[in-house]
Amino acid sequence: MDHSAVFARHFARLVGLLVTEGSSVDEQKVSLRAALQFAKEGSVIVAREGRNILSDGVLMSEVFPGVKELGARMQQHGVREFLFAKDAAAVEVLGTARILAGPFVENDGGRNFHHAWSALGCNTIHVTTDVRIGEVAEEDDEDEDDPADDPAALFGFRSVLSDAQRPTSSPQYLVERLGKKKTTRGVAKSLDRLATLAEAFVREGRHEDVIDIADGIISNEANAPTADAKRAYIQTVRRLAKSPLLNGMARLVRRNPDQRDRYVRVLSRVGEDGANAVFRQVMAAHTLHDRAVYFGVLRELSAAVPALIHTLVDERWYVVRAAADLLGEMAPEEAEAGLIALLLHADDRVRRTALRSLGRLGTFRAGEAIKRGLKDASGMVRAAAALALASHPEGRFTGTLAAALDEEADEEVQFTIVRALGMIGGPDAVQRLARAASAEVSRTSRMKRSALLRIVAIQALGEARSPAAIIALKELAADRDKEVREAAQRALAGARNTPSGSHRALTPSGSHRPVTPSGSHRALTPSGSHRPVTPSGSFPAVTPGSATPVAPTPAAPPGAPAPVNPSSPTPPGNSSSGR
């Protein structure tokens, strides 16, 4: 369940108890502790429309205890919105609830509430009141004294205005004025007006103007005249780090590529919130081009890796899989522990993606963890482990794959292991492939050496293209089996005619399948259909209900083996067993 909704319910119950049952201290403590527990998971916006309460923009039902009282009290006190920061302080949450439950002055625009609330000196809660613009003095800060003795008055009060009351000056003018402010009070007031305008622009869908404001604030931050002014900048940036604002900013990256540097600067400044906003766009991308654009921005954000690592513990399998896939493309060593932990995930789609990403990571511990994947209960996971070992830069797993091939009983997984040996292509791998392609049956192997497996092994020898592989293919070209003989001849022709690094994989019938520059094959699903892969070999992220793009390529020829596609996603809700 969304932490913001649960937090708002407990906060509403706390206010309701203070209003109706002031002596129920124990129940009040329970509600406070519960609210604080969910505040640890992220910031929350509790807003009012009339007497209705919204939690992060979602309407709350009055059937929950205290919601009706909270709406009434916020209206009576002239409060429009609360922003509770992540890890909001207990004393501030309780103090704010007590003020809401206390005496109020009708139609004062929130002045009485603000006066009492300012005394709390809140640092983790921000408030929006109904004060009208005509009642907010807009003095030039050049003539103001810096009220350092009352910092709460600077940072506790935000004169958020309605659409009709918001500042009418252009964002550029307000940003220019901000750069000229020399006192803390002047900076705080200018920042408040800019943030108010940005919030109004978001409601109107004017995201380009929001970027202008955010970029202007961030550009002026380094010139803050005092330490308290710097603090005001930090709090304003937090105020802008809300999902609706950031989602709109992230979407602009694709629409306005010429403004990319500005977008990256703003998204970088808001830390993991900005990275999460871009990550959501990566997951929602409908084309490989859009995904590449968003992923390119994500790579530039310093907070991207920590944000993705934190996402690995999400309850939604498709979110975890997408994060693991992106970490594999970025290959940061700090993601090693999180990716290894995913090998115990209940969903085999996640385990397959984690194995592929660990293969790209290429660390020693990653290689040892991938080896354990060869023992997984799911055949598709075992196949993914084989390909991950083949892509591991150390290239020391030929013996491991050869042993796995001898022990493997699933024919489709056997095909994938043979492909993996062909991708490695070293002397030991070629020797093992030559043995798999020969007609001689090993007494110590559990592997059933079918004619189809022999052809796949010949295909892998053709990919290796080493002198030893050429010799083995020449011997197989004289085999008694006609299909084996013809497959070896085709593999020889392909190995001789294809320049190194640009070879293509032969199917048993002699047709060709394109290979990526890294040597990873275009993936075939078990049914023989093709699915496009990114340049790194990973599939585009798919959210539940979205369609996986399918390339208009012909089906595999009759009789061709269907190598296991370790990355093929299945709709949410399907079994994640061995299949």
Protein backbone atom coordinates (compact mmCIF):
# COMPACT_ATOMS: atom_id res chain seq x y z
CA MET A 1 0.00 0.00 0.00
CA ASP A 2 1.17 3.58 -0.74
CA HIS A 3 2.96 4.95 2.32
CA SER A 4 1.50 8.44 1.79
CA ALA A 5 -2.10 7.22 2.11
CA VAL A 6 -1.34 5.22 5.26
CA PHE A 7 0.56 8.12 6.82
CA ALA A 8 -2.34 10.49 6.10
CA ARG A 9 -4.84 8.10 7.70
CA HIS A 10 -2.84 7.84 10.91
CA PHE A 11 -2.26 11.60 11.02
CA ALA A 12 -5.99 12.21 10.49
CA ARG A 13 -6.82 9.75 13.27
CA LEU A 14 -4.37 11.55 15.57
CA VAL A 15 -6.07 14.89 14.89
CA GLY A 16 -9.51 13.31 15.33
CA LEU A 17 -8.52 11.83 18.69
CA LEU A 18 -7.15 15.19 19.87
CA VAL A 19 -10.42 16.89 18.86
CA THR A 20 -12.93 14.33 20.19
CA GLU A 21 -11.02 12.32 22.82
CA GLY A 22 -8.36 14.56 24.26
CA SER A 23 -7.73 12.22 27.19
CA SER A 24 -7.02 9.11 25.07
CA VAL A 25 -3.25 9.50 25.34
CA ASP A 26 -2.41 5.87 24.63
CA GLU A 27 -4.40 5.79 21.40
CA GLN A 28 -2.84 9.08 20.36
CA LYS A 29 0.62 7.61 20.88
CA VAL A 30 -0.26 4.59 18.75
CA SER A 31 -1.44 6.80 15.88
CA LEU A 32 1.62 9.04 16.16
CA ARG A 33 4.04 6.11 16.12
CA ALA A 34 2.29 4.55 13.14
CA ALA A 35 2.41 7.83 11.21
CA LEU A 36 6.11 8.28 11.96
CA GLN A 37 6.84 4.74 10.80
CA PHE A 38 5.39 5.44 7.35
CA ALA A 39 7.02 8.89 7.25
CA LYS A 40 10.35 7.06 7.07
CA GLU A 41 9.44 5.82 3.58
CA GLY A 42 9.21 9.23 1.94
CA SER A 43 7.66 12.70 1.94
CA VAL A 44 3.87 13.14 2.02
CA ILE A 45 1.59 15.98 0.93
CA VAL A 46 -1.70 16.30 2.82
CA ALA A 47 -3.87 18.89 1.07
CA ARG A 48 -7.43 20.21 1.38
CA GLU A 49 -10.05 20.96 -1.27
CA GLY A 50 -13.04 22.42 0.53
CA ARG A 51 -13.30 19.98 3.42
CA ASN A 52 -12.03 17.04 1.41
CA ILE A 53 -8.57 15.67 2.22
CA LEU A 54 -6.13 14.52 -0.44
CA SER A 55 -2.99 12.49 0.18
CA ASP A 56 -0.43 13.10 -2.59
CA GLY A 57 -3.34 14.10 -4.83
CA VAL A 58 -5.54 11.09 -4.01
CA LEU A 59 -8.90 11.76 -2.34
CA MET A 60 -9.27 10.15 1.10
CA SER A 61 -12.58 8.63 2.12
CA GLU A 62 -14.28 10.04 5.21
CA VAL A 63 -15.00 6.51 6.39
CA PHE A 64 -11.51 6.47 7.87
CA PRO A 65 -11.41 7.78 11.46
CA GLY A 66 -10.40 11.41 11.76
CA VAL A 67 -10.47 12.31 8.06
CA LYS A 68 -13.65 14.37 8.44
CA GLU A 69 -12.27 16.17 11.51
CA LEU A 70 -8.95 16.85 9.75
CA GLY A 71 -10.72 18.43 6.76
CA ALA A 72 -12.88 20.60 8.99
CA ARG A 73 -9.97 21.75 11.15
CA MET A 74 -7.73 22.58 8.18
CA GLN A 75 -10.55 24.68 6.71
CA GLN A 76 -11.28 26.45 10.01
CA HIS A 77 -7.58 27.25 10.53
CA GLY A 78 -7.15 28.44 6.93
CA VAL A 79 -4.64 25.71 6.10
CA ARG A 80 -4.45 24.54 2.48
CA GLU A 81 -1.63 22.01 2.54
CA PHE A 82 0.99 20.27 4.67
CA LEU A 83 4.23 18.90 3.26
CA PHE A 84 5.72 16.32 5.63
CA ALA A 85 9.36 15.62 4.76
CA LYS A 86 10.80 12.13 4.87
CA ASP A 87 11.58 11.19 8.51
CA ALA A 88 9.39 14.01 9.81
CA ALA A 89 10.20 14.79 13.45
CA ALA A 90 7.83 13.37 16.06
CA VAL A 91 7.64 16.60 18.06
CA GLU A 92 6.70 18.54 14.91
CA VAL A 93 4.02 16.08 13.78
CA LEU A 94 2.44 15.97 17.24
CA GLY A 95 2.72 19.75 17.69
CA THR A 96 1.09 20.42 14.33
CA ALA A 97 -1.77 18.04 15.16
CA ARG A 98 -2.32 19.74 18.54
CA ILE A 99 -2.48 23.19 16.93
CA LEU A 100 -5.03 21.92 14.42
CA ALA A 101 -7.12 20.52 17.26
CA GLY A 102 -6.84 23.80 19.22
CA PRO A 103 -8.69 27.14 19.03
CA PHE A 104 -9.07 28.86 15.67
CA VAL A 105 -10.08 32.26 14.34
CA GLU A 106 -12.63 32.22 11.53
CA ASN A 107 -11.66 33.83 8.21
CA ASP A 108 -8.23 35.02 9.33
CA GLY A 109 -6.51 33.40 6.35
CA GLY A 110 -4.46 31.16 8.61
CA ARG A 111 -2.69 33.92 10.55
CA ASN A 112 -3.55 32.55 13.99
CA PHE A 113 -2.47 29.06 12.96
CA HIS A 114 0.76 30.38 11.50
CA HIS A 115 1.57 32.35 14.63
CA ALA A 116 1.19 29.27 16.83
CA TRP A 117 2.85 26.94 14.34
CA SER A 118 5.89 29.20 13.85
CA ALA A 119 6.73 28.80 17.52
CA LEU A 120 7.39 25.11 16.89
CA GLY A 121 10.37 25.96 14.69
CA CYS A 122 9.50 23.16 12.27
CA ASN A 123 12.24 21.96 9.94
CA THR A 124 10.56 18.83 8.53
CA ILE A 125 7.02 20.16 7.94
CA HIS A 126 5.95 22.98 5.63
CA VAL A 127 2.52 24.60 5.62
CA THR A 128 0.40 26.39 3.02
CA THR A 129 -2.25 28.84 4.23
CA ASP A 130 -5.12 30.83 2.70
CA VAL A 131 -3.43 34.23 3.08
CA ARG A 132 -4.38 36.57 0.24
CA ILE A 133 -1.74 38.22 -1.90
CA GLY A 134 -2.87 41.72 -0.94
CA GLU A 135 -2.21 40.87 2.69
CA VAL A 136 1.35 39.69 2.07
CA ALA A 137 3.74 42.58 2.05
CA GLU A 138 6.15 42.50 -0.87
CA GLU A 139 8.75 44.83 0.55
CA ASP A 140 12.08 45.16 -1.23
CA ASP A 141 14.50 43.18 0.85
CA GLU A 142 17.16 45.83 0.39
CA ASP A 143 15.30 47.80 3.07
CA GLU A 144 14.70 44.85 5.42
CA ASP A 145 16.66 43.70 8.39
CA ASP A 146 17.73 40.07 8.47
CA PRO A 147 15.57 38.51 11.25
CA ALA A 148 18.13 35.92 12.29
CA ASP A 149 16.52 35.76 15.72
CA ASP A 150 13.35 34.21 14.26
CA PRO A 151 14.36 31.68 11.58
CA ALA A 152 11.04 29.85 11.95
CA ALA A 153 9.29 32.91 10.56
CA LEU A 154 11.42 32.58 7.43
CA PHE A 155 11.07 28.90 6.74
CA GLY A 156 7.84 27.91 8.44
CA PHE A 157 5.51 30.21 6.49
CA ARG A 158 4.72 29.66 2.81
CA SER A 159 2.23 32.09 1.28
CA VAL A 160 0.86 29.67 -1.30
CA LEU A 161 -1.71 31.41 -3.48
CA SER A 162 -4.71 30.38 -5.53
CA ASP A 163 -4.51 30.55 -9.33
CA ALA A 164 -6.17 33.94 -9.30
CA GLN A 165 -3.79 35.26 -6.65
CA ARG A 166 -0.45 33.86 -7.80
CA PRO A 167 2.31 36.28 -8.88
CA THR A 168 1.66 37.67 -12.35
CA SER A 169 5.32 38.38 -13.14
CA SER A 170 7.10 36.13 -15.60
CA PRO A 171 9.33 33.35 -14.24
CA GLN A 172 12.35 35.01 -15.83
CA TYR A 173 11.64 38.27 -14.01
CA LEU A 174 11.17 36.56 -10.66
CA VAL A 175 14.38 34.56 -11.14
CA GLU A 176 16.22 37.76 -11.97
CA ARG A 177 14.89 39.39 -8.80
CA LEU A 178 15.97 36.36 -6.78
CA GLY A 179 19.55 36.83 -7.94
CA LYS A 180 19.53 40.41 -6.62
CA LYS A 181 18.34 39.60 -3.11
CA LYS A 182 20.95 40.32 -0.44
CA THR A 183 19.16 39.28 2.76
CA THR A 184 17.76 36.03 4.05
CA ARG A 185 14.18 37.34 4.24
CA GLY A 186 14.28 38.59 0.67
CA VAL A 187 15.65 35.30 -0.62
CA ALA A 188 13.04 33.30 1.30
CA LYS A 189 10.17 35.40 -0.03
CA SER A 190 11.39 35.21 -3.62
CA LEU A 191 11.86 31.46 -3.39
CA ASP A 192 8.36 31.07 -1.97
CA ARG A 193 6.83 33.02 -4.85
CA LEU A 194 8.77 31.04 -7.43
CA ALA A 195 7.82 27.69 -5.88
CA THR A 196 4.17 28.79 -5.70
CA LEU A 197 4.23 29.73 -9.36
CA ALA A 198 5.87 26.41 -10.29
CA GLU A 199 3.13 24.47 -8.49
CA ALA A 200 0.47 26.44 -10.37
CA PHE A 201 2.22 25.79 -13.68
CA VAL A 202 2.25 22.05 -12.99
CA ARG A 203 -1.53 22.06 -12.57
CA GLU A 204 -1.80 23.81 -15.95
CA GLY A 205 0.64 21.45 -17.67
CA ARG A 206 3.18 24.23 -18.31
CA HIS A 207 6.20 22.05 -17.61
CA GLU A 208 8.61 24.16 -19.68
CA ASP A 209 7.93 27.09 -17.35
CA VAL A 210 8.48 24.81 -14.35
CA ILE A 211 11.91 23.94 -15.76
CA ASP A 212 12.70 27.66 -16.16
CA ILE A 213 11.87 28.26 -12.51
CA ALA A 214 13.69 25.20 -11.16
CA ASP A 215 16.79 25.88 -13.25
CA GLY A 216 16.81 29.50 -12.15
CA ILE A 217 16.59 28.55 -8.48
CA ILE A 218 19.39 26.00 -8.80
CA SER A 219 21.59 28.42 -10.75
CA ASN A 220 21.28 31.06 -8.00
CA GLU A 221 21.74 28.62 -5.12
CA ALA A 222 25.53 28.96 -5.06
CA ASN A 223 25.17 32.73 -4.52
CA ALA A 224 23.06 32.50 -1.36
CA PRO A 225 24.06 35.52 0.78
CA THR A 226 23.77 33.77 4.18
CA ALA A 227 23.70 30.30 5.68
CA ASP A 228 19.99 30.71 6.43
CA ALA A 229 19.38 31.74 2.83
CA LYS A 230 21.19 28.60 1.72
CA ARG A 231 18.83 26.64 3.96
CA ALA A 232 15.88 28.33 2.27
CA TYR A 233 17.20 27.20 -1.11
CA ILE A 234 17.52 23.62 0.13
CA GLN A 235 13.96 23.59 1.45
CA THR A 236 12.62 25.06 -1.80
CA VAL A 237 14.38 22.37 -3.82
CA ARG A 238 12.73 19.76 -1.57
CA ARG A 239 9.42 21.46 -2.20
CA LEU A 240 9.96 21.10 -5.94
CA ALA A 241 10.97 17.43 -5.61
CA LYS A 242 7.41 16.14 -5.93
CA SER A 243 6.37 13.43 -8.35
CA PRO A 244 4.02 15.57 -10.51
CA LEU A 245 6.71 18.22 -11.03
CA LEU A 246 9.52 15.75 -11.67
CA ASN A 247 7.48 13.50 -13.94
CA GLY A 248 6.66 16.46 -16.14
CA MET A 249 10.32 17.51 -16.23
CA ALA A 250 11.46 14.00 -17.13
CA ARG A 251 9.01 13.76 -20.04
CA LEU A 252 10.45 16.94 -21.54
CA VAL A 253 13.81 15.22 -22.12
CA ARG A 254 12.38 13.38 -25.12
CA ARG A 255 10.36 16.30 -26.45
CA ASN A 256 13.09 18.96 -26.25
CA PRO A 257 16.49 17.31 -26.74
CA ASP A 258 18.16 20.71 -27.24
CA GLN A 259 17.36 21.52 -23.59
CA ARG A 260 18.80 18.26 -22.28
CA ASP A 261 21.61 19.86 -20.25
CA ARG A 262 19.14 22.01 -18.30
CA TYR A 263 16.90 19.05 -17.55
CA VAL A 264 19.83 16.95 -16.38
CA ARG A 265 21.02 19.78 -14.12
CA VAL A 266 17.63 20.08 -12.43
CA LEU A 267 17.05 16.33 -12.12
CA SER A 268 20.55 15.86 -10.71
CA ARG A 269 19.98 18.50 -8.05
CA VAL A 270 16.93 16.76 -6.59
CA GLY A 271 18.88 13.52 -6.09
CA GLU A 272 17.12 10.17 -5.99
CA ASP A 273 13.73 11.78 -6.54
CA GLY A 274 14.93 12.96 -9.95
CA ALA A 275 16.46 9.58 -10.77
CA ASN A 276 13.22 7.83 -9.83
CA ALA A 277 11.26 10.17 -12.09
CA VAL A 278 13.47 9.27 -15.06
CA PHE A 279 13.31 5.58 -14.14
CA ARG A 280 9.50 5.74 -14.31
CA GLN A 281 9.79 7.14 -17.83
CA VAL A 282 12.18 4.35 -18.83
CA MET A 283 9.62 1.79 -17.68
CA ALA A 284 6.77 3.56 -19.46
CA ALA A 285 8.65 4.04 -22.76
CA HIS A 286 6.75 2.58 -25.74
CA THR A 287 9.68 2.47 -28.17
CA LEU A 288 13.32 1.49 -27.98
CA HIS A 289 14.27 5.03 -29.04
CA ASP A 290 12.39 6.61 -26.13
CA ARG A 291 13.89 4.10 -23.74
CA ALA A 292 17.38 4.89 -25.02
CA VAL A 293 16.80 8.64 -24.57
CA TYR A 294 15.61 8.30 -20.98
CA PHE A 295 18.29 5.75 -20.13
CA GLY A 296 20.95 8.10 -21.47
CA VAL A 297 19.75 10.77 -19.06
CA LEU A 298 19.58 8.28 -16.20
CA ARG A 299 23.23 7.35 -16.72
CA GLU A 300 24.20 11.00 -16.21
CA LEU A 301 22.47 11.30 -12.83
CA SER A 302 24.80 10.63 -9.91
CA ALA A 303 21.88 9.42 -7.80
CA ALA A 304 20.71 6.91 -10.42
CA VAL A 305 22.67 3.93 -9.09
CA PRO A 306 21.59 4.36 -5.43
CA ALA A 307 17.99 4.90 -6.56
CA LEU A 308 18.01 1.74 -8.69
CA ILE A 309 19.65 -0.30 -5.93
CA HIS A 310 16.93 0.79 -3.50
CA THR A 311 14.34 -0.24 -6.10
CA LEU A 312 15.64 -3.83 -6.07
CA VAL A 313 13.56 -4.48 -2.93
CA ASP A 314 10.30 -3.25 -4.48
CA GLU A 315 7.36 -5.63 -4.11
CA ARG A 316 6.47 -5.44 -7.82
CA TRP A 317 8.44 -8.00 -9.82
CA TYR A 318 8.38 -6.00 -13.05
CA VAL A 319 9.81 -2.93 -11.30
CA VAL A 320 12.59 -5.01 -9.75
CA ARG A 321 13.36 -6.63 -13.09
CA ALA A 322 13.55 -3.27 -14.87
CA ALA A 323 15.88 -1.87 -12.20
CA ALA A 324 18.11 -4.95 -12.37
CA ASP A 325 18.26 -4.71 -16.16
CA LEU A 326 19.30 -1.05 -16.06
CA LEU A 327 21.93 -1.77 -13.42
CA GLY A 328 23.30 -4.44 -15.73
CA GLU A 329 23.63 -1.89 -18.52
CA MET A 330 25.33 0.59 -16.18
CA ALA A 331 27.46 -2.14 -14.51
CA PRO A 332 28.29 -0.38 -11.22
CA GLU A 333 30.21 -2.59 -8.79
CA GLU A 334 28.19 -1.29 -5.84
CA ALA A 335 25.15 -3.06 -7.30
CA GLU A 336 26.82 -6.46 -6.88
CA ALA A 337 25.29 -7.37 -3.51
CA GLY A 338 21.78 -6.31 -4.51
CA LEU A 339 21.88 -8.27 -7.76
CA ILE A 340 23.25 -11.38 -6.06
CA ALA A 341 20.41 -11.19 -3.53
CA LEU A 342 17.92 -11.28 -6.42
CA LEU A 343 19.04 -14.81 -7.27
CA LEU A 344 16.79 -15.86 -4.37
CA HIS A 345 13.80 -13.90 -5.71
CA ALA A 346 10.58 -15.89 -5.98
CA ASP A 347 9.98 -14.88 -9.61
CA ASP A 348 12.22 -16.57 -12.17
CA ARG A 349 11.90 -13.59 -14.52
CA VAL A 350 13.71 -11.50 -11.95
CA ARG A 351 16.34 -14.19 -11.39
CA ARG A 352 17.05 -14.41 -15.13
CA THR A 353 17.54 -10.67 -15.42
CA ALA A 354 19.76 -10.59 -12.33
CA LEU A 355 21.97 -13.30 -13.84
CA ARG A 356 22.33 -11.40 -17.09
CA SER A 357 23.23 -8.21 -15.21
CA LEU A 358 25.76 -10.02 -13.04
CA GLY A 359 27.37 -11.36 -16.21
CA ARG A 360 27.82 -7.80 -17.44
CA LEU A 361 29.13 -6.72 -14.05
CA GLY A 362 32.03 -9.12 -14.45
CA THR A 363 33.31 -9.26 -10.86
CA PHE A 364 34.70 -12.39 -9.24
CA ARG A 365 31.82 -12.64 -6.75
CA ALA A 366 29.34 -12.15 -9.58
CA GLY A 367 30.87 -15.07 -11.47
CA GLU A 368 30.68 -17.35 -8.45
CA ALA A 369 27.04 -16.37 -7.89
CA ILE A 370 26.16 -17.06 -11.53
CA LYS A 371 27.61 -20.57 -11.22
CA ARG A 372 24.99 -21.30 -8.56
CA GLY A 373 22.33 -20.36 -11.11
CA LEU A 374 23.23 -23.48 -13.10
CA LYS A 375 21.56 -25.48 -10.31
CA ASP A 376 18.31 -23.47 -10.32
CA ALA A 377 15.03 -25.38 -10.47
CA SER A 378 13.94 -23.40 -13.54
CA GLY A 379 15.40 -24.48 -16.85
CA MET A 380 15.13 -20.93 -18.19
CA VAL A 381 17.14 -19.64 -15.24
CA ARG A 382 19.81 -22.30 -15.83
CA ALA A 383 19.97 -21.20 -19.46
CA ALA A 384 20.33 -17.57 -18.39
CA ALA A 385 23.17 -18.57 -16.07
CA ALA A 386 24.98 -20.28 -18.95
CA LEU A 387 24.77 -17.20 -21.17
CA ALA A 388 25.81 -14.97 -18.25
CA LEU A 389 28.92 -17.08 -17.69
CA ALA A 390 29.73 -16.84 -21.39
CA SER A 391 29.49 -13.03 -21.26
CA HIS A 392 31.60 -12.78 -18.09
CA PRO A 393 34.85 -10.96 -18.99
CA GLU A 394 37.07 -13.36 -17.05
CA GLY A 395 36.27 -16.21 -19.47
CA ARG A 396 37.24 -18.87 -16.92
CA PHE A 397 34.03 -20.87 -16.91
CA THR A 398 34.54 -23.30 -19.78
CA GLY A 399 34.97 -26.22 -17.38
CA THR A 400 31.90 -25.18 -15.41
CA LEU A 401 29.77 -25.05 -18.56
CA ALA A 402 31.16 -28.35 -19.85
CA ALA A 403 30.28 -30.05 -16.57
CA ALA A 404 26.82 -28.47 -16.63
CA LEU A 405 26.30 -29.74 -20.18
CA ASP A 406 27.09 -33.29 -19.06
CA GLU A 407 24.63 -33.02 -16.16
CA GLU A 408 21.82 -31.17 -17.96
CA ALA A 409 18.75 -33.24 -18.88
CA ASP A 410 16.67 -30.46 -20.49
CA GLU A 411 17.39 -30.38 -24.23
CA GLU A 412 16.61 -26.68 -24.64
CA VAL A 413 19.02 -25.81 -21.85
CA GLN A 414 21.61 -28.05 -23.50
CA PHE A 415 21.26 -25.99 -26.68
CA THR A 416 21.86 -22.79 -24.72
CA ILE A 417 24.93 -24.19 -22.94
CA VAL A 418 26.36 -25.24 -26.30
CA ARG A 419 25.76 -21.71 -27.59
CA ALA A 420 27.52 -20.33 -24.52
CA LEU A 421 30.57 -22.50 -25.20
CA GLY A 422 30.61 -21.21 -28.76
CA MET A 423 30.53 -17.63 -27.48
CA ILE A 424 33.61 -18.33 -25.31
CA GLY A 425 35.38 -20.04 -28.20
CA GLY A 426 38.62 -20.91 -26.37
CA PRO A 427 40.61 -24.13 -26.98
CA ASP A 428 38.87 -26.01 -24.16
CA ALA A 429 35.46 -24.83 -25.33
CA VAL A 430 36.18 -25.89 -28.91
CA GLN A 431 37.33 -29.31 -27.70
CA ARG A 432 34.09 -29.77 -25.77
CA LEU A 433 32.00 -28.61 -28.72
CA ALA A 434 33.80 -30.99 -31.05
CA ARG A 435 32.99 -33.83 -28.67
CA ALA A 436 29.32 -32.76 -28.55
CA ALA A 437 29.19 -32.60 -32.35
CA SER A 438 30.73 -36.02 -32.85
CA ALA A 439 28.72 -39.22 -33.24
CA GLU A 440 30.55 -40.85 -30.34
CA VAL A 441 28.40 -41.21 -27.20
CA SER A 442 29.99 -40.54 -23.80
CA ARG A 443 29.27 -43.15 -21.13
CA THR A 444 29.77 -40.66 -18.30
CA SER A 445 27.39 -38.02 -19.63
CA ARG A 446 23.69 -37.80 -18.87
CA MET A 447 23.30 -35.74 -22.03
CA LYS A 448 21.24 -37.27 -24.79
CA ARG A 449 23.20 -36.51 -27.92
CA SER A 450 20.48 -36.02 -30.55
CA ALA A 451 21.12 -35.12 -34.16
CA LEU A 452 19.72 -31.67 -33.40
CA LEU A 453 22.22 -31.16 -30.59
CA ARG A 454 25.06 -32.17 -32.89
CA ILE A 455 23.94 -29.54 -35.39
CA VAL A 456 23.75 -26.87 -32.68
CA ALA A 457 27.29 -27.79 -31.61
CA ILE A 458 28.46 -27.47 -35.23
CA GLN A 459 26.80 -24.07 -35.37
CA ALA A 460 28.69 -23.04 -32.23
CA LEU A 461 31.97 -24.24 -33.74
CA GLY A 462 31.25 -22.05 -36.74
CA GLU A 463 30.87 -19.08 -34.41
CA ALA A 464 34.18 -19.82 -32.67
CA ARG A 465 36.12 -19.68 -35.99
CA SER A 466 39.41 -20.62 -34.32
CA PRO A 467 41.94 -22.86 -36.10
CA ALA A 468 40.94 -25.76 -33.86
CA ALA A 469 37.26 -25.14 -34.65
CA ILE A 470 38.00 -25.13 -38.40
CA ILE A 471 39.82 -28.46 -38.09
CA ALA A 472 36.89 -29.97 -36.18
CA LEU A 473 34.43 -28.70 -38.79
CA LYS A 474 36.47 -30.21 -41.61
CA GLU A 475 36.31 -33.59 -39.91
CA LEU A 476 32.56 -33.23 -39.39
CA ALA A 477 32.12 -32.27 -43.04
CA ALA A 478 32.90 -35.92 -43.84
CA ASP A 479 30.44 -37.34 -41.30
CA ARG A 480 28.20 -40.23 -42.32
CA ASP A 481 25.07 -38.29 -41.32
CA LYS A 482 23.94 -36.14 -44.25
CA GLU A 483 22.40 -33.36 -42.12
CA VAL A 484 25.50 -33.16 -39.93
CA ARG A 485 27.74 -33.14 -42.99
CA GLU A 486 25.80 -30.33 -44.66
CA ALA A 487 25.65 -28.29 -41.45
CA ALA A 488 29.44 -28.57 -41.07
CA GLN A 489 29.97 -27.48 -44.67
CA ARG A 490 27.74 -24.43 -44.19
CA ALA A 491 29.50 -23.56 -40.94
CA LEU A 492 32.87 -23.81 -42.69
CA ALA A 493 31.70 -21.52 -45.46
CA GLY A 494 30.38 -19.00 -42.97
CA ALA A 495 33.53 -19.10 -40.84
CA ARG A 496 35.72 -18.46 -43.89
CA ASN A 497 33.59 -15.74 -45.46
CA THR A 498 32.56 -13.78 -42.38
CA PRO A 499 35.08 -11.19 -41.06
CA SER A 500 36.04 -11.55 -37.43
CA GLY A 501 33.64 -9.76 -35.09
CA SER A 502 30.78 -9.67 -37.58
CA HIS A 503 29.89 -13.35 -37.87
CA ARG A 504 26.33 -14.60 -37.83
CA ALA A 505 24.86 -17.66 -36.23
CA LEU A 506 23.77 -20.53 -38.47
CA THR A 507 20.56 -22.37 -37.75
CA PRO A 508 20.59 -26.12 -38.43
CA SER A 509 18.79 -25.56 -41.73
CA GLY A 510 21.44 -23.18 -42.97
CA SER A 511 19.61 -19.88 -42.52
CA HIS A 512 21.27 -17.04 -40.70
CA ARG A 513 20.30 -15.14 -37.59
CA PRO A 514 21.89 -11.76 -36.87
CA VAL A 515 24.19 -11.42 -33.91
CA THR A 516 24.81 -8.27 -31.88
CA PRO A 517 28.33 -6.74 -31.89
CA SER A 518 28.97 -8.32 -28.50
CA GLY A 519 28.25 -11.74 -29.92
CA SER A 520 24.94 -12.29 -28.17
CA HIS A 521 22.24 -13.73 -30.40
CA ARG A 522 18.98 -12.24 -31.29
CA ALA A 523 16.76 -14.11 -28.88
CA LEU A 524 14.41 -16.82 -30.06
CA THR A 525 11.46 -17.65 -27.89
CA PRO A 526 10.67 -21.33 -27.46
CA SER A 527 7.93 -20.91 -30.07
CA GLY A 528 10.43 -19.72 -32.65
CA SER A 529 9.34 -16.08 -32.84
CA HIS A 530 11.85 -13.25 -32.70
CA ARG A 531 11.91 -10.37 -30.24
CA PRO A 532 14.13 -7.31 -30.64
CA VAL A 533 16.98 -6.72 -28.26
CA THR A 534 18.84 -3.56 -27.31
CA PRO A 535 22.49 -3.11 -28.36
CA SER A 536 23.54 -4.64 -25.07
CA GLY A 537 21.30 -7.64 -25.59
CA SER A 538 18.66 -6.77 -23.03
CA PHE A 539 14.97 -6.49 -23.73
CA PRO A 540 13.03 -3.25 -23.28
CA ALA A 541 11.33 -2.95 -19.92
CA VAL A 542 7.70 -4.02 -19.96
CA THR A 543 5.07 -2.94 -17.49
CA PRO A 544 1.96 -5.01 -16.90
CA GLY A 545 -0.52 -4.46 -19.67
CA SER A 546 1.96 -2.97 -22.12
CA ALA A 547 2.81 -4.73 -25.31
CA THR A 548 6.26 -6.06 -25.98
CA PRO A 549 7.44 -4.76 -29.37
CA VAL A 550 7.92 -7.59 -31.85
CA ALA A 551 10.22 -7.25 -34.83
CA PRO A 552 8.68 -8.16 -38.21
CA THR A 553 11.10 -11.01 -38.84
CA PRO A 554 10.32 -14.40 -40.31
CA ALA A 555 9.80 -17.39 -38.09
CA ALA A 556 12.63 -19.85 -37.52
CA PRO A 557 12.91 -22.58 -40.17
CA PRO A 558 11.23 -25.92 -39.53
CA GLY A 559 13.28 -28.21 -37.38
CA ALA A 560 15.43 -25.43 -35.92
CA PRO A 561 16.13 -25.64 -32.18
CA ALA A 562 14.53 -23.03 -30.00
CA PRO A 563 17.24 -21.80 -27.60
CA VAL A 564 15.84 -20.77 -24.27
CA ASN A 565 15.19 -17.06 -24.05
CA PRO A 566 16.28 -16.24 -20.52
CA SER A 567 14.84 -12.73 -20.67
CA SER A 568 11.41 -13.41 -22.08
CA PRO A 569 8.87 -11.77 -19.74
CA THR A 570 5.49 -13.24 -19.04
CA PRO A 571 2.39 -11.39 -17.90
CA PRO A 572 2.08 -10.64 -14.19
CA GLY A 573 0.33 -13.35 -12.31
CA ASN A 574 1.77 -16.24 -14.30
CA SER A 575 3.57 -18.96 -12.45
CA SER A 576 7.24 -18.32 -11.87
CA SER A 577 8.14 -21.97 -11.48
CA GLY A 578 10.58 -23.90 -13.63
CA ARG A 579 8.35 -23.98 -16.71
